[in-house]
Amino acid sequence: EIADLVDSLYSDIITAGTYKASCIKVAEAAKVIENT
């Protein structure tokens, strides 16, 4: 439920769209490997 809420919050300003990860750890890992 909170994931949906966070996604809706950012959708208000992000015109490029959002990608809702399955959990917080997945989102954390995705970011750190982008720069790696």
Full PDB file with SEQRES, HELIX, SHEET, SSBOND, CRYST1, ORIGX, SCALE, CONECT and MASTER records, all heavy atoms in Angstrom:
SEQRES   1 A   36  GLU ILE ALA ASP LEU VAL ASP SER LEU TYR SER ASP ILE          
SEQRES   2 A   36  ILE THR ALA GLY THR TYR LYS ALA SER CYS ILE LYS VAL          
SEQRES   3 A   36  ALA GLU ALA ALA LYS VAL ILE GLU ASN THR                      
HELIX    1 AA1 ILE A    2  SER A   11  1                                  10    
HELIX    2 AA2 ILE A   24  ASN A   35  1                                  12    
CRYST1    1.000    1.000    1.000  90.00  90.00  90.00 P 1           1          
ORIGX1      1.000000  0.000000  0.000000        0.00000                         
ORIGX2      0.000000  1.000000  0.000000        0.00000                         
ORIGX3      0.000000  0.000000  1.000000        0.00000                         
SCALE1      1.000000  0.000000  0.000000        0.00000                         
SCALE2      0.000000  1.000000  0.000000        0.00000                         
SCALE3      0.000000  0.000000  1.000000        0.00000                         
ATOM      1  N   GLU A   1       0.827  -1.207   0.000  1.00  0.00           N  
ATOM      2  CA  GLU A   1       0.000   0.000   0.000  1.00  0.00           C  
ATOM      3  C   GLU A   1       0.863   1.259   0.000  1.00  0.00           C  
ATOM      4  O   GLU A   1       0.574   2.235  -0.711  1.00  0.00           O  
ATOM      5  CB  GLU A   1      -0.932   0.015   1.214  1.00  0.00           C  
ATOM      6  CG  GLU A   1      -1.983  -1.097   1.246  1.00  0.00           C  
ATOM      7  CD  GLU A   1      -1.404  -2.456   1.640  1.00  0.00           C  
ATOM      8  OE1 GLU A   1      -0.311  -2.487   2.272  1.00  0.00           O  
ATOM      9  OE2 GLU A   1      -2.043  -3.485   1.311  1.00  0.00           O  
ATOM     10  N   ILE A   2       1.930   1.234   0.777  1.00  0.00           N  
ATOM     11  CA  ILE A   2       2.844   2.380   0.831  1.00  0.00           C  
ATOM     12  C   ILE A   2       3.585   2.534  -0.499  1.00  0.00           C  
ATOM     13  O   ILE A   2       3.830   3.649  -0.965  1.00  0.00           O  
ATOM     14  CB  ILE A   2       3.828   2.247   2.003  1.00  0.00           C  
ATOM     15  CG1 ILE A   2       3.081   2.309   3.334  1.00  0.00           C  
ATOM     16  CG2 ILE A   2       4.898   3.318   1.943  1.00  0.00           C  
ATOM     17  CD1 ILE A   2       2.308   3.602   3.552  1.00  0.00           C  
ATOM     18  N   ALA A   3       3.925   1.421  -1.128  1.00  0.00           N  
ATOM     19  CA  ALA A   3       4.570   1.475  -2.442  1.00  0.00           C  
ATOM     20  C   ALA A   3       3.687   2.198  -3.448  1.00  0.00           C  
ATOM     21  O   ALA A   3       4.161   3.024  -4.234  1.00  0.00           O  
ATOM     22  CB  ALA A   3       4.892   0.062  -2.922  1.00  0.00           C  
ATOM     23  N   ASP A   4       2.409   1.905  -3.416  1.00  0.00           N  
ATOM     24  CA  ASP A   4       1.458   2.597  -4.301  1.00  0.00           C  
ATOM     25  C   ASP A   4       1.400   4.086  -3.978  1.00  0.00           C  
ATOM     26  O   ASP A   4       1.337   4.933  -4.881  1.00  0.00           O  
ATOM     27  CB  ASP A   4       0.061   1.993  -4.163  1.00  0.00           C  
ATOM     28  CG  ASP A   4      -0.047   0.590  -4.738  1.00  0.00           C  
ATOM     29  OD1 ASP A   4       0.816   0.217  -5.558  1.00  0.00           O  
ATOM     30  OD2 ASP A   4      -0.999  -0.133  -4.355  1.00  0.00           O  
ATOM     31  N   LEU A   5       1.435   4.408  -2.706  1.00  0.00           N  
ATOM     32  CA  LEU A   5       1.356   5.795  -2.258  1.00  0.00           C  
ATOM     33  C   LEU A   5       2.590   6.585  -2.704  1.00  0.00           C  
ATOM     34  O   LEU A   5       2.473   7.701  -3.214  1.00  0.00           O  
ATOM     35  CB  LEU A   5       1.210   5.831  -0.730  1.00  0.00           C  
ATOM     36  CG  LEU A   5       0.678   7.109  -0.086  1.00  0.00           C  
ATOM     37  CD1 LEU A   5      -0.700   7.458  -0.628  1.00  0.00           C  
ATOM     38  CD2 LEU A   5       0.630   6.936   1.441  1.00  0.00           C  
ATOM     39  N   VAL A   6       3.770   5.991  -2.503  1.00  0.00           N  
ATOM     40  CA  VAL A   6       5.020   6.646  -2.913  1.00  0.00           C  
ATOM     41  C   VAL A   6       5.045   6.847  -4.426  1.00  0.00           C  
ATOM     42  O   VAL A   6       5.427   7.910  -4.931  1.00  0.00           O  
ATOM     43  CB  VAL A   6       6.245   5.824  -2.457  1.00  0.00           C  
ATOM     44  CG1 VAL A   6       7.538   6.409  -3.034  1.00  0.00           C  
ATOM     45  CG2 VAL A   6       6.321   5.768  -0.939  1.00  0.00           C  
ATOM     46  N   ASP A   7       4.602   5.832  -5.154  1.00  0.00           N  
ATOM     47  CA  ASP A   7       4.573   5.924  -6.610  1.00  0.00           C  
ATOM     48  C   ASP A   7       3.636   7.036  -7.080  1.00  0.00           C  
ATOM     49  O   ASP A   7       3.970   7.795  -7.992  1.00  0.00           O  
ATOM     50  CB  ASP A   7       4.146   4.576  -7.199  1.00  0.00           C  
ATOM     51  CG  ASP A   7       4.425   4.470  -8.689  1.00  0.00           C  
ATOM     52  OD1 ASP A   7       5.612   4.341  -9.060  1.00  0.00           O  
ATOM     53  OD2 ASP A   7       3.461   4.534  -9.472  1.00  0.00           O  
ATOM     54  N   SER A   8       2.492   7.150  -6.442  1.00  0.00           N  
ATOM     55  CA  SER A   8       1.531   8.198  -6.794  1.00  0.00           C  
ATOM     56  C   SER A   8       2.091   9.581  -6.499  1.00  0.00           C  
ATOM     57  O   SER A   8       1.884  10.529  -7.255  1.00  0.00           O  
ATOM     58  CB  SER A   8       0.220   8.003  -6.028  1.00  0.00           C  
ATOM     59  OG  SER A   8      -0.396   6.783  -6.357  1.00  0.00           O  
ATOM     60  N   LEU A   9       2.819   9.702  -5.379  1.00  0.00           N  
ATOM     61  CA  LEU A   9       3.407  10.982  -4.993  1.00  0.00           C  
ATOM     62  C   LEU A   9       4.373  11.479  -6.062  1.00  0.00           C  
ATOM     63  O   LEU A   9       4.281  12.630  -6.515  1.00  0.00           O  
ATOM     64  CB  LEU A   9       4.139  10.828  -3.651  1.00  0.00           C  
ATOM     65  CG  LEU A   9       4.925  12.052  -3.161  1.00  0.00           C  
ATOM     66  CD1 LEU A   9       3.995  13.216  -2.873  1.00  0.00           C  
ATOM     67  CD2 LEU A   9       5.770  11.693  -1.934  1.00  0.00           C  
ATOM     68  N   TYR A  10       5.283  10.631  -6.477  1.00  0.00           N  
ATOM     69  CA  TYR A  10       6.262  11.045  -7.481  1.00  0.00           C  
ATOM     70  C   TYR A  10       5.647  11.199  -8.868  1.00  0.00           C  
ATOM     71  O   TYR A  10       6.124  12.003  -9.677  1.00  0.00           O  
ATOM     72  CB  TYR A  10       7.426  10.054  -7.517  1.00  0.00           C  
ATOM     73  CG  TYR A  10       8.404  10.243  -6.388  1.00  0.00           C  
ATOM     74  CD1 TYR A  10       8.419   9.370  -5.304  1.00  0.00           C  
ATOM     75  CD2 TYR A  10       9.321  11.292  -6.401  1.00  0.00           C  
ATOM     76  CE1 TYR A  10       9.322   9.530  -4.261  1.00  0.00           C  
ATOM     77  CE2 TYR A  10      10.229  11.467  -5.363  1.00  0.00           C  
ATOM     78  CZ  TYR A  10      10.225  10.588  -4.296  1.00  0.00           C  
ATOM     79  OH  TYR A  10      11.123  10.758  -3.260  1.00  0.00           O  
ATOM     80  N   SER A  11       4.610  10.446  -9.134  1.00  0.00           N  
ATOM     81  CA  SER A  11       3.944  10.559 -10.439  1.00  0.00           C  
ATOM     82  C   SER A  11       3.384  11.954 -10.680  1.00  0.00           C  
ATOM     83  O   SER A  11       3.178  12.353 -11.831  1.00  0.00           O  
ATOM     84  CB  SER A  11       2.825   9.525 -10.561  1.00  0.00           C  
ATOM     85  OG  SER A  11       3.341   8.205 -10.579  1.00  0.00           O  
ATOM     86  N   ASP A  12       3.167  12.699  -9.609  1.00  0.00           N  
ATOM     87  CA  ASP A  12       2.665  14.066  -9.742  1.00  0.00           C  
ATOM     88  C   ASP A  12       3.654  15.000 -10.428  1.00  0.00           C  
ATOM     89  O   ASP A  12       3.254  15.989 -11.038  1.00  0.00           O  
ATOM     90  CB  ASP A  12       2.327  14.644  -8.356  1.00  0.00           C  
ATOM     91  CG  ASP A  12       0.902  14.372  -7.941  1.00  0.00           C  
ATOM     92  OD1 ASP A  12       0.137  13.801  -8.744  1.00  0.00           O  
ATOM     93  OD2 ASP A  12       0.540  14.753  -6.803  1.00  0.00           O  
ATOM     94  N   ILE A  13       4.956  14.699 -10.310  1.00  0.00           N  
ATOM     95  CA  ILE A  13       5.956  15.618 -10.862  1.00  0.00           C  
ATOM     96  C   ILE A  13       6.840  14.993 -11.942  1.00  0.00           C  
ATOM     97  O   ILE A  13       7.473  15.722 -12.710  1.00  0.00           O  
ATOM     98  CB  ILE A  13       6.871  16.193  -9.755  1.00  0.00           C  
ATOM     99  CG1 ILE A  13       7.655  15.082  -9.058  1.00  0.00           C  
ATOM    100  CG2 ILE A  13       6.054  17.005  -8.748  1.00  0.00           C  
ATOM    101  CD1 ILE A  13       8.777  15.593  -8.165  1.00  0.00           C  
ATOM    102  N   ILE A  14       6.910  13.674 -12.005  1.00  0.00           N  
ATOM    103  CA  ILE A  14       7.819  13.015 -12.952  1.00  0.00           C  
ATOM    104  C   ILE A  14       7.082  12.731 -14.259  1.00  0.00           C  
ATOM    105  O   ILE A  14       6.305  11.778 -14.359  1.00  0.00           O  
ATOM    106  CB  ILE A  14       8.403  11.714 -12.370  1.00  0.00           C  
ATOM    107  CG1 ILE A  14       9.067  11.973 -11.017  1.00  0.00           C  
ATOM    108  CG2 ILE A  14       9.388  11.094 -13.354  1.00  0.00           C  
ATOM    109  CD1 ILE A  14      10.249  12.896 -11.070  1.00  0.00           C  
ATOM    110  N   THR A  15       7.338  13.543 -15.268  1.00  0.00           N  
ATOM    111  CA  THR A  15       6.643  13.370 -16.549  1.00  0.00           C  
ATOM    112  C   THR A  15       7.149  12.150 -17.313  1.00  0.00           C  
ATOM    113  O   THR A  15       6.451  11.613 -18.160  1.00  0.00           O  
ATOM    114  CB  THR A  15       6.814  14.629 -17.419  1.00  0.00           C  
ATOM    115  OG1 THR A  15       8.222  14.896 -17.605  1.00  0.00           O  
ATOM    116  CG2 THR A  15       6.183  15.844 -16.753  1.00  0.00           C  
ATOM    117  N   ALA A  16       8.376  11.704 -17.022  1.00  0.00           N  
ATOM    118  CA  ALA A  16       8.945  10.544 -17.716  1.00  0.00           C  
ATOM    119  C   ALA A  16       8.346   9.232 -17.231  1.00  0.00           C  
ATOM    120  O   ALA A  16       8.573   8.179 -17.833  1.00  0.00           O  
ATOM    121  CB  ALA A  16      10.466  10.515 -17.534  1.00  0.00           C  
ATOM    122  N   GLY A  17       7.593   9.283 -16.135  1.00  0.00           N  
ATOM    123  CA  GLY A  17       6.974   8.089 -15.593  1.00  0.00           C  
ATOM    124  C   GLY A  17       7.775   7.492 -14.441  1.00  0.00           C  
ATOM    125  O   GLY A  17       8.872   7.935 -14.115  1.00  0.00           O  
ATOM    126  N   THR A  18       7.227   6.476 -13.819  1.00  0.00           N  
ATOM    127  CA  THR A  18       7.860   5.820 -12.673  1.00  0.00           C  
ATOM    128  C   THR A  18       7.979   4.321 -12.910  1.00  0.00           C  
ATOM    129  O   THR A  18       7.313   3.759 -13.772  1.00  0.00           O  
ATOM    130  CB  THR A  18       7.045   6.057 -11.382  1.00  0.00           C  
ATOM    131  OG1 THR A  18       5.712   5.540 -11.574  1.00  0.00           O  
ATOM    132  CG2 THR A  18       6.971   7.539 -11.047  1.00  0.00           C  
ATOM    133  N   TYR A  19       8.850   3.693 -12.136  1.00  0.00           N  
ATOM    134  CA  TYR A  19       8.983   2.247 -12.139  1.00  0.00           C  
ATOM    135  C   TYR A  19       8.879   1.778 -10.706  1.00  0.00           C  
ATOM    136  O   TYR A  19       9.760   2.076  -9.890  1.00  0.00           O  
ATOM    137  CB  TYR A  19      10.324   1.808 -12.744  1.00  0.00           C  
ATOM    138  CG  TYR A  19      10.491   0.297 -12.780  1.00  0.00           C  
ATOM    139  CD1 TYR A  19      10.141  -0.424 -13.904  1.00  0.00           C  
ATOM    140  CD2 TYR A  19      10.974  -0.396 -11.672  1.00  0.00           C  
ATOM    141  CE1 TYR A  19      10.275  -1.802 -13.936  1.00  0.00           C  
ATOM    142  CE2 TYR A  19      11.103  -1.771 -11.687  1.00  0.00           C  
ATOM    143  CZ  TYR A  19      10.746  -2.467 -12.817  1.00  0.00           C  
ATOM    144  OH  TYR A  19      10.863  -3.845 -12.845  1.00  0.00           O  
ATOM    145  N   LYS A  20       7.830   1.055 -10.366  1.00  0.00           N  
ATOM    146  CA  LYS A  20       7.595   0.619  -8.996  1.00  0.00           C  
ATOM    147  C   LYS A  20       8.306  -0.712  -8.755  1.00  0.00           C  
ATOM    148  O   LYS A  20       7.941  -1.731  -9.334  1.00  0.00           O  
ATOM    149  CB  LYS A  20       6.096   0.506  -8.711  1.00  0.00           C  
ATOM    150  CG  LYS A  20       5.765   0.218  -7.252  1.00  0.00           C  
ATOM    151  CD  LYS A  20       4.288   0.414  -6.959  1.00  0.00           C  
ATOM    152  CE  LYS A  20       3.415  -0.505  -7.797  1.00  0.00           C  
ATOM    153  NZ  LYS A  20       1.989  -0.428  -7.454  1.00  0.00           N  
ATOM    154  N   ALA A  21       9.347  -0.679  -7.925  1.00  0.00           N  
ATOM    155  CA  ALA A  21      10.090  -1.889  -7.579  1.00  0.00           C  
ATOM    156  C   ALA A  21       9.298  -2.734  -6.594  1.00  0.00           C  
ATOM    157  O   ALA A  21       8.427  -2.231  -5.874  1.00  0.00           O  
ATOM    158  CB  ALA A  21      11.452  -1.522  -6.995  1.00  0.00           C  
ATOM    159  N   SER A  22       9.641  -4.010  -6.529  1.00  0.00           N  
ATOM    160  CA  SER A  22       8.872  -4.934  -5.699  1.00  0.00           C  
ATOM    161  C   SER A  22       9.079  -4.701  -4.210  1.00  0.00           C  
ATOM    162  O   SER A  22       8.226  -5.024  -3.396  1.00  0.00           O  
ATOM    163  CB  SER A  22       9.241  -6.383  -6.056  1.00  0.00           C  
ATOM    164  OG  SER A  22      10.632  -6.613  -5.836  1.00  0.00           O  
ATOM    165  N   CYS A  23      10.242  -4.155  -3.837  1.00  0.00           N  
ATOM    166  CA  CYS A  23      10.518  -3.876  -2.431  1.00  0.00           C  
ATOM    167  C   CYS A  23      11.637  -2.840  -2.337  1.00  0.00           C  
ATOM    168  O   CYS A  23      12.293  -2.521  -3.336  1.00  0.00           O  
ATOM    169  CB  CYS A  23      10.887  -5.146  -1.672  1.00  0.00           C  
ATOM    170  SG  CYS A  23      12.427  -5.913  -2.231  1.00  0.00           S  
ATOM    171  N   ILE A  24      11.887  -2.346  -1.140  1.00  0.00           N  
ATOM    172  CA  ILE A  24      12.897  -1.315  -0.931  1.00  0.00           C  
ATOM    173  C   ILE A  24      14.292  -1.820  -1.292  1.00  0.00           C  
ATOM    174  O   ILE A  24      15.076  -1.100  -1.934  1.00  0.00           O  
ATOM    175  CB  ILE A  24      12.845  -0.809   0.525  1.00  0.00           C  
ATOM    176  CG1 ILE A  24      11.594   0.063   0.729  1.00  0.00           C  
ATOM    177  CG2 ILE A  24      14.106  -0.023   0.887  1.00  0.00           C  
ATOM    178  CD1 ILE A  24      11.373   0.532   2.156  1.00  0.00           C  
ATOM    179  N   LYS A  25      14.641  -3.040  -0.916  1.00  0.00           N  
ATOM    180  CA  LYS A  25      15.985  -3.563  -1.196  1.00  0.00           C  
ATOM    181  C   LYS A  25      16.262  -3.633  -2.694  1.00  0.00           C  
ATOM    182  O   LYS A  25      17.395  -3.379  -3.133  1.00  0.00           O  
ATOM    183  CB  LYS A  25      16.169  -4.930  -0.547  1.00  0.00           C  
ATOM    184  CG  LYS A  25      16.368  -4.879   0.964  1.00  0.00           C  
ATOM    185  CD  LYS A  25      16.635  -6.263   1.530  1.00  0.00           C  
ATOM    186  CE  LYS A  25      16.840  -6.196   3.051  1.00  0.00           C  
ATOM    187  NZ  LYS A  25      17.046  -7.509   3.652  1.00  0.00           N  
ATOM    188  N   VAL A  26      15.263  -4.003  -3.480  1.00  0.00           N  
ATOM    189  CA  VAL A  26      15.431  -4.051  -4.937  1.00  0.00           C  
ATOM    190  C   VAL A  26      15.723  -2.651  -5.479  1.00  0.00           C  
ATOM    191  O   VAL A  26      16.601  -2.460  -6.319  1.00  0.00           O  
ATOM    192  CB  VAL A  26      14.187  -4.664  -5.619  1.00  0.00           C  
ATOM    193  CG1 VAL A  26      14.222  -4.420  -7.131  1.00  0.00           C  
ATOM    194  CG2 VAL A  26      14.102  -6.151  -5.331  1.00  0.00           C  
ATOM    195  N   ALA A  27      14.984  -1.661  -4.982  1.00  0.00           N  
ATOM    196  CA  ALA A  27      15.196  -0.281  -5.423  1.00  0.00           C  
ATOM    197  C   ALA A  27      16.587   0.208  -5.024  1.00  0.00           C  
ATOM    198  O   ALA A  27      17.267   0.883  -5.804  1.00  0.00           O  
ATOM    199  CB  ALA A  27      14.122   0.629  -4.832  1.00  0.00           C  
ATOM    200  N   GLU A  28      17.025  -0.116  -3.805  1.00  0.00           N  
ATOM    201  CA  GLU A  28      18.369   0.266  -3.358  1.00  0.00           C  
ATOM    202  C   GLU A  28      19.434  -0.373  -4.236  1.00  0.00           C  
ATOM    203  O   GLU A  28      20.408   0.281  -4.644  1.00  0.00           O  
ATOM    204  CB  GLU A  28      18.580  -0.143  -1.897  1.00  0.00           C  
ATOM    205  CG  GLU A  28      17.724   0.616  -0.898  1.00  0.00           C  
ATOM    206  CD  GLU A  28      17.757  -0.003   0.493  1.00  0.00           C  
ATOM    207  OE1 GLU A  28      17.837  -1.261   0.595  1.00  0.00           O  
ATOM    208  OE2 GLU A  28      17.701   0.747   1.485  1.00  0.00           O  
ATOM    209  N   ALA A  29      19.263  -1.658  -4.526  1.00  0.00           N  
ATOM    210  CA  ALA A  29      20.240  -2.381  -5.332  1.00  0.00           C  
ATOM    211  C   ALA A  29      20.288  -1.847  -6.758  1.00  0.00           C  
ATOM    212  O   ALA A  29      21.364  -1.728  -7.356  1.00  0.00           O  
ATOM    213  CB  ALA A  29      19.919  -3.873  -5.332  1.00  0.00           C  
ATOM    214  N   ALA A  30      19.130  -1.520  -7.313  1.00  0.00           N  
ATOM    215  CA  ALA A  30      19.068  -1.007  -8.684  1.00  0.00           C  
ATOM    216  C   ALA A  30      19.879   0.278  -8.818  1.00  0.00           C  
ATOM    217  O   ALA A  30      20.614   0.474  -9.785  1.00  0.00           O  
ATOM    218  CB  ALA A  30      17.612  -0.764  -9.094  1.00  0.00           C  
ATOM    219  N   LYS A  31      19.738   1.160  -7.843  1.00  0.00           N  
ATOM    220  CA  LYS A  31      20.467   2.424  -7.889  1.00  0.00           C  
ATOM    221  C   LYS A  31      21.967   2.215  -7.796  1.00  0.00           C  
ATOM    222  O   LYS A  31      22.737   2.785  -8.575  1.00  0.00           O  
ATOM    223  CB  LYS A  31      19.996   3.344  -6.760  1.00  0.00           C  
ATOM    224  CG  LYS A  31      20.860   4.585  -6.541  1.00  0.00           C  
ATOM    225  CD  LYS A  31      20.962   5.453  -7.798  1.00  0.00           C  
ATOM    226  CE  LYS A  31      21.889   6.636  -7.550  1.00  0.00           C  
ATOM    227  NZ  LYS A  31      22.054   7.469  -8.739  1.00  0.00           N  
ATOM    228  N   VAL A  32      22.411   1.400  -6.867  1.00  0.00           N  
ATOM    229  CA  VAL A  32      23.846   1.259  -6.649  1.00  0.00           C  
ATOM    230  C   VAL A  32      24.523   0.567  -7.831  1.00  0.00           C  
ATOM    231  O   VAL A  32      25.687   0.858  -8.144  1.00  0.00           O  
ATOM    232  CB  VAL A  32      24.131   0.551  -5.307  1.00  0.00           C  
ATOM    233  CG1 VAL A  32      23.965  -0.948  -5.398  1.00  0.00           C  
ATOM    234  CG2 VAL A  32      25.514   0.920  -4.775  1.00  0.00           C  
ATOM    235  N   ILE A  33      23.812  -0.304  -8.551  1.00  0.00           N  
ATOM    236  CA  ILE A  33      24.453  -0.932  -9.710  1.00  0.00           C  
ATOM    237  C   ILE A  33      24.432  -0.023 -10.934  1.00  0.00           C  
ATOM    238  O   ILE A  33      25.249  -0.201 -11.845  1.00  0.00           O  
ATOM    239  CB  ILE A  33      23.856  -2.315 -10.053  1.00  0.00           C  
ATOM    240  CG1 ILE A  33      22.448  -2.198 -10.643  1.00  0.00           C  
ATOM    241  CG2 ILE A  33      23.903  -3.253  -8.856  1.00  0.00           C  
ATOM    242  CD1 ILE A  33      22.024  -3.466 -11.381  1.00  0.00           C  
ATOM    243  N   GLU A  34      23.529   0.956 -10.990  1.00  0.00           N  
ATOM    244  CA  GLU A  34      23.569   1.922 -12.094  1.00  0.00           C  
ATOM    245  C   GLU A  34      24.931   2.604 -12.145  1.00  0.00           C  
ATOM    246  O   GLU A  34      25.570   2.675 -13.200  1.00  0.00           O  
ATOM    247  CB  GLU A  34      22.480   2.978 -11.929  1.00  0.00           C  
ATOM    248  CG  GLU A  34      21.068   2.503 -12.166  1.00  0.00           C  
ATOM    249  CD  GLU A  34      20.055   3.595 -11.865  1.00  0.00           C  
ATOM    250  OE1 GLU A  34      20.451   4.775 -11.729  1.00  0.00           O  
ATOM    251  OE2 GLU A  34      18.859   3.271 -11.765  1.00  0.00           O  
ATOM    252  N   ASN A  35      25.365   3.122 -11.014  1.00  0.00           N  
ATOM    253  CA  ASN A  35      26.641   3.832 -10.973  1.00  0.00           C  
ATOM    254  C   ASN A  35      27.831   2.877 -11.038  1.00  0.00           C  
ATOM    255  O   ASN A  35      28.889   3.238 -11.548  1.00  0.00           O  
ATOM    256  CB  ASN A  35      26.712   4.705  -9.725  1.00  0.00           C  
ATOM    257  CG  ASN A  35      25.745   5.872  -9.801  1.00  0.00           C  
ATOM    258  OD1 ASN A  35      25.356   6.310 -10.884  1.00  0.00           O  
ATOM    259  ND2 ASN A  35      25.337   6.387  -8.657  1.00  0.00           N  
ATOM    260  N   THR A  36      27.667   1.663 -10.524  1.00  0.00           N  
ATOM    261  CA  THR A  36      28.730   0.665 -10.630  1.00  0.00           C  
ATOM    262  C   THR A  36      28.983   0.302 -12.088  1.00  0.00           C  
ATOM    263  O   THR A  36      30.133   0.184 -12.522  1.00  0.00           O  
ATOM    264  CB  THR A  36      28.368  -0.590  -9.817  1.00  0.00           C  
ATOM    265  OG1 THR A  36      28.198  -0.231  -8.436  1.00  0.00           O  
ATOM    266  CG2 THR A  36      29.446  -1.652  -9.933  1.00  0.00           C  
TER     267      THR A  36                                                      
MASTER        0    0    0    2    0    0    0    6  266    1    0    3          
END                                                                             
